[in-house]
Protein backbone atom coordinates (compact mmCIF):
# COMPACT_ATOMS: atom_id res chain seq x y z
CA MET A 1 -26.08 46.28 -34.88
CA ILE A 2 -28.92 45.95 -32.41
CA LYS A 3 -31.05 49.09 -32.32
CA THR A 4 -32.52 49.99 -28.95
CA VAL A 5 -34.70 52.67 -27.41
CA VAL A 6 -33.79 53.30 -23.78
CA GLU A 7 -36.66 54.48 -21.60
CA THR A 8 -35.91 57.37 -19.25
CA ASN A 9 -35.86 55.36 -16.00
CA VAL A 10 -33.15 53.12 -17.41
CA PHE A 11 -31.20 56.05 -18.85
CA ILE A 12 -31.23 57.95 -15.53
CA SER A 13 -30.53 54.80 -13.48
CA SER A 14 -27.42 54.19 -15.58
CA PHE A 15 -25.72 57.02 -13.69
CA PHE A 16 -25.92 54.83 -10.57
CA GLY A 17 -24.55 51.59 -12.04
CA GLY A 18 -26.02 48.10 -12.31
CA ASN A 19 -27.71 46.69 -15.38
CA PRO A 20 -28.83 50.13 -16.65
CA ARG A 21 -25.18 51.21 -16.80
CA LYS A 22 -24.33 48.02 -18.71
CA ILE A 23 -27.03 48.95 -21.23
CA ILE A 24 -25.52 52.41 -21.75
CA ASP A 25 -22.02 50.94 -21.91
CA LEU A 26 -23.15 48.70 -24.79
CA TRP A 27 -24.26 51.85 -26.61
CA LYS A 28 -21.06 53.77 -25.84
CA THR A 29 -18.90 50.89 -27.09
CA GLY A 30 -20.92 50.56 -30.28
CA GLU A 31 -22.37 47.17 -29.53
CA THR A 32 -25.86 48.67 -29.76
CA THR A 33 -27.30 51.68 -31.54
CA LEU A 34 -29.32 54.12 -29.44
CA CYS A 35 -32.50 55.32 -31.17
CA LEU A 36 -33.67 58.83 -30.28
CA SER A 37 -36.48 61.23 -31.07
CA ARG A 38 -37.20 64.75 -29.92
CA PRO A 39 -39.78 63.56 -27.33
CA THR A 40 -37.37 61.01 -25.83
CA VAL A 41 -34.50 63.50 -25.64
CA ASN A 42 -36.80 66.13 -24.14
CA GLU A 43 -37.86 63.70 -21.42
CA TYR A 44 -34.24 62.79 -20.64
CA ILE A 45 -33.44 66.50 -20.22
CA GLU A 46 -36.54 67.24 -18.15
CA VAL A 47 -35.86 64.38 -15.73
CA LEU A 48 -32.16 65.21 -15.45
CA GLN A 49 -33.10 68.77 -14.56
CA ARG A 50 -35.44 67.47 -11.85
CA PHE A 51 -32.52 65.45 -10.49
CA GLY A 52 -30.39 68.56 -10.27
CA VAL A 53 -28.53 68.66 -13.59
CA GLN A 54 -29.25 72.35 -14.11
CA ARG A 55 -26.03 73.71 -15.51
CA GLU A 56 -26.17 74.46 -19.19
CA ARG A 57 -22.74 72.91 -19.70
CA GLU A 58 -23.80 69.49 -18.38
CA LEU A 59 -26.95 69.42 -20.49
CA GLY A 60 -24.99 70.68 -23.48
CA GLU A 61 -22.52 67.82 -23.14
CA LEU A 62 -25.38 65.33 -23.10
CA LEU A 63 -27.01 66.88 -26.17
CA GLU A 64 -23.67 67.00 -27.95
CA LEU A 65 -23.17 63.29 -27.26
CA PHE A 66 -26.52 62.55 -28.90
CA ALA A 67 -26.04 65.00 -31.75
CA ARG A 68 -22.64 63.61 -32.71
CA GLY A 69 -24.55 60.52 -33.71
CA THR A 70 -21.93 58.15 -32.36
CA HIS A 71 -23.73 54.82 -32.23
CA SER A 72 -27.08 56.64 -32.28
CA ILE A 73 -29.72 57.57 -34.81
CA PHE A 74 -32.44 60.21 -34.66
CA THR A 75 -35.88 60.48 -36.13
CA ALA A 76 -37.74 63.69 -36.75
CA LYS A 77 -41.05 61.93 -37.37
CA THR A 78 -42.73 59.23 -35.34
CA PRO A 79 -46.10 57.58 -35.75
CA GLU A 80 -48.78 58.45 -33.23
CA LEU A 81 -49.57 55.31 -31.24
CA TYR A 82 -51.89 54.57 -28.34
CA LEU A 83 -50.57 51.41 -26.73
CA VAL A 84 -49.70 52.29 -23.14
CA GLU A 85 -53.09 53.01 -21.59
CA GLU A 86 -51.81 53.36 -18.01
CA ASP A 87 -49.25 56.01 -18.98
CA PRO A 88 -49.89 57.39 -22.49
CA ASP A 89 -46.77 59.57 -22.24
CA ASP A 90 -44.71 56.38 -22.54
CA ASN A 91 -45.99 55.77 -26.08
CA LYS A 92 -43.14 58.02 -27.28
CA PHE A 93 -40.63 55.20 -26.70
CA ILE A 94 -42.51 52.70 -28.85
CA GLU A 95 -43.18 55.40 -31.45
CA CYS A 96 -39.44 56.03 -31.67
CA ALA A 97 -38.75 52.30 -31.95
CA VAL A 98 -41.28 51.91 -34.77
CA ALA A 99 -39.92 54.93 -36.67
CA LEU A 100 -36.32 53.71 -36.49
CA LYS A 101 -37.08 49.98 -36.75
CA ALA A 102 -35.52 49.22 -33.38
CA GLY A 103 -35.62 45.70 -32.04
CA PHE A 104 -35.97 46.60 -28.39
CA VAL A 105 -37.36 49.14 -25.98
CA ILE A 106 -35.49 48.76 -22.70
CA SER A 107 -37.56 49.89 -19.75
CA GLY A 108 -38.10 49.62 -16.03
CA ASP A 109 -41.59 51.11 -16.28
CA LYS A 110 -44.39 48.61 -15.49
CA ALA A 111 -46.92 50.28 -17.78
CA LEU A 112 -44.53 50.23 -20.75
CA LEU A 113 -43.37 46.69 -19.97
CA GLY A 114 -47.01 45.65 -20.17
CA VAL A 115 -46.82 46.03 -23.96
CA ARG A 116 -44.07 43.35 -24.19
CA ASP A 117 -44.16 43.09 -28.00
CA TYR A 118 -45.39 45.40 -30.72
CA MET A 119 -44.68 44.78 -34.41
CA GLY A 120 -41.74 42.59 -33.43
CA ILE A 121 -40.30 45.22 -31.08
CA MET A 122 -39.65 43.63 -27.71
CA VAL A 123 -40.23 45.72 -24.58
CA VAL A 124 -37.87 44.29 -21.96
CA THR A 125 -36.16 45.09 -18.68
CA PRO A 126 -32.42 45.80 -18.62
CA LYS A 127 -31.81 42.35 -17.14
CA GLU A 128 -33.87 40.67 -19.86
CA PHE A 129 -32.09 42.61 -22.58
CA LEU A 130 -28.66 41.71 -21.25
CA GLY A 131 -29.65 38.04 -21.20
CA ILE A 132 -30.88 38.26 -24.79
CA PHE A 133 -27.78 40.18 -25.83
CA ILE A 134 -25.44 37.58 -24.34
CA LYS A 135 -27.33 34.74 -26.05
CA LEU A 136 -27.23 36.59 -29.35
CA GLN A 137 -23.50 37.11 -28.99
CA GLU A 138 -23.01 33.42 -28.25
CA THR A 139 -25.12 32.19 -31.16
CA ILE A 140 -24.71 34.90 -33.75
CA GLY A 141 -23.75 33.60 -37.12
CA ARG A 142 -22.86 35.22 -40.37
CA SER A 143 -26.48 35.24 -41.49
CA GLN A 144 -27.54 37.25 -38.45
CA ALA A 145 -24.66 39.67 -38.86
CA LYS A 146 -25.60 40.05 -42.54
CA ARG A 147 -29.26 40.71 -41.64
CA TRP A 148 -28.19 43.48 -39.23
CA GLN A 149 -25.93 44.97 -41.88
CA ASP A 150 -28.81 44.88 -44.38
CA GLU A 151 -31.07 46.62 -41.85
CA GLU A 152 -28.46 49.31 -41.28
CA LYS A 153 -28.26 49.80 -45.07
CA LYS A 154 -32.05 50.28 -45.16
CA VAL A 155 -31.82 52.95 -42.46
CA GLN A 156 -29.01 54.65 -44.38
CA ALA A 157 -31.13 54.55 -47.54
CA ASP A 158 -34.02 56.16 -45.63
CA ILE A 159 -31.60 58.88 -44.47
CA ASN A 160 -30.41 59.40 -48.05
CA LYS A 161 -34.02 59.64 -49.31
CA GLY A 162 -34.85 62.21 -46.63
CA LYS A 163 -37.18 59.89 -44.71
CA LEU A 164 -34.88 60.08 -41.70
CA LYS A 165 -32.89 63.15 -40.69
CA VAL A 166 -29.37 62.99 -39.31
CA ALA A 167 -28.27 65.95 -37.25
CA LYS A 168 -24.86 67.51 -37.82
CA GLY A 169 -24.71 68.98 -34.33
CA VAL A 170 -26.90 69.89 -31.38
CA ASP A 171 -28.30 73.05 -32.98
CA ASP A 172 -29.11 71.27 -36.25
CA PHE A 173 -30.70 68.40 -34.35
CA LEU A 174 -32.99 70.68 -32.36
CA LYS A 175 -33.83 72.90 -35.37
CA ASP A 176 -34.61 69.95 -37.62
CA ILE A 177 -36.88 68.38 -35.02
CA ASP A 178 -38.70 71.67 -34.43
CA LYS A 179 -39.43 72.00 -38.18
CA LYS A 180 -41.37 68.75 -38.08
């Protein structure tokens, strides 16, 4: 499974279609795993509220989708990094990717895209990711599938050891993150 962090611009743009929607569709169908942290979820909520998603029910549905953990993983702890000089607030996306060993940060933000690669994590546009994804699907072999399975086992082991926290629901997710 390809683990991705989706930057807020891409996440919000997915509501309007195009390549960002294709990125979210890959997550919803289980072809990718969405990596989340408290700072990334908070930014999604803040921006959605600015765009008029004010009703508690709508935000609750979004949080419930994340908290169910369907094709997504959460981290309570992230390293503190200083890579995006032009917009330090965007470091949260790379921090999440590092914590959850994601392969990609998908972004439309020029400052974040300026990083391009950090510790093997590629920072790419939605179009670039879709191109990479298609090529991977065309050329994937058993060894690659096995490597992804092994990586997922490592994440599960980290969860079992308490290094990563898995929320049981929205309330647990928010409480667990606040404790850290």
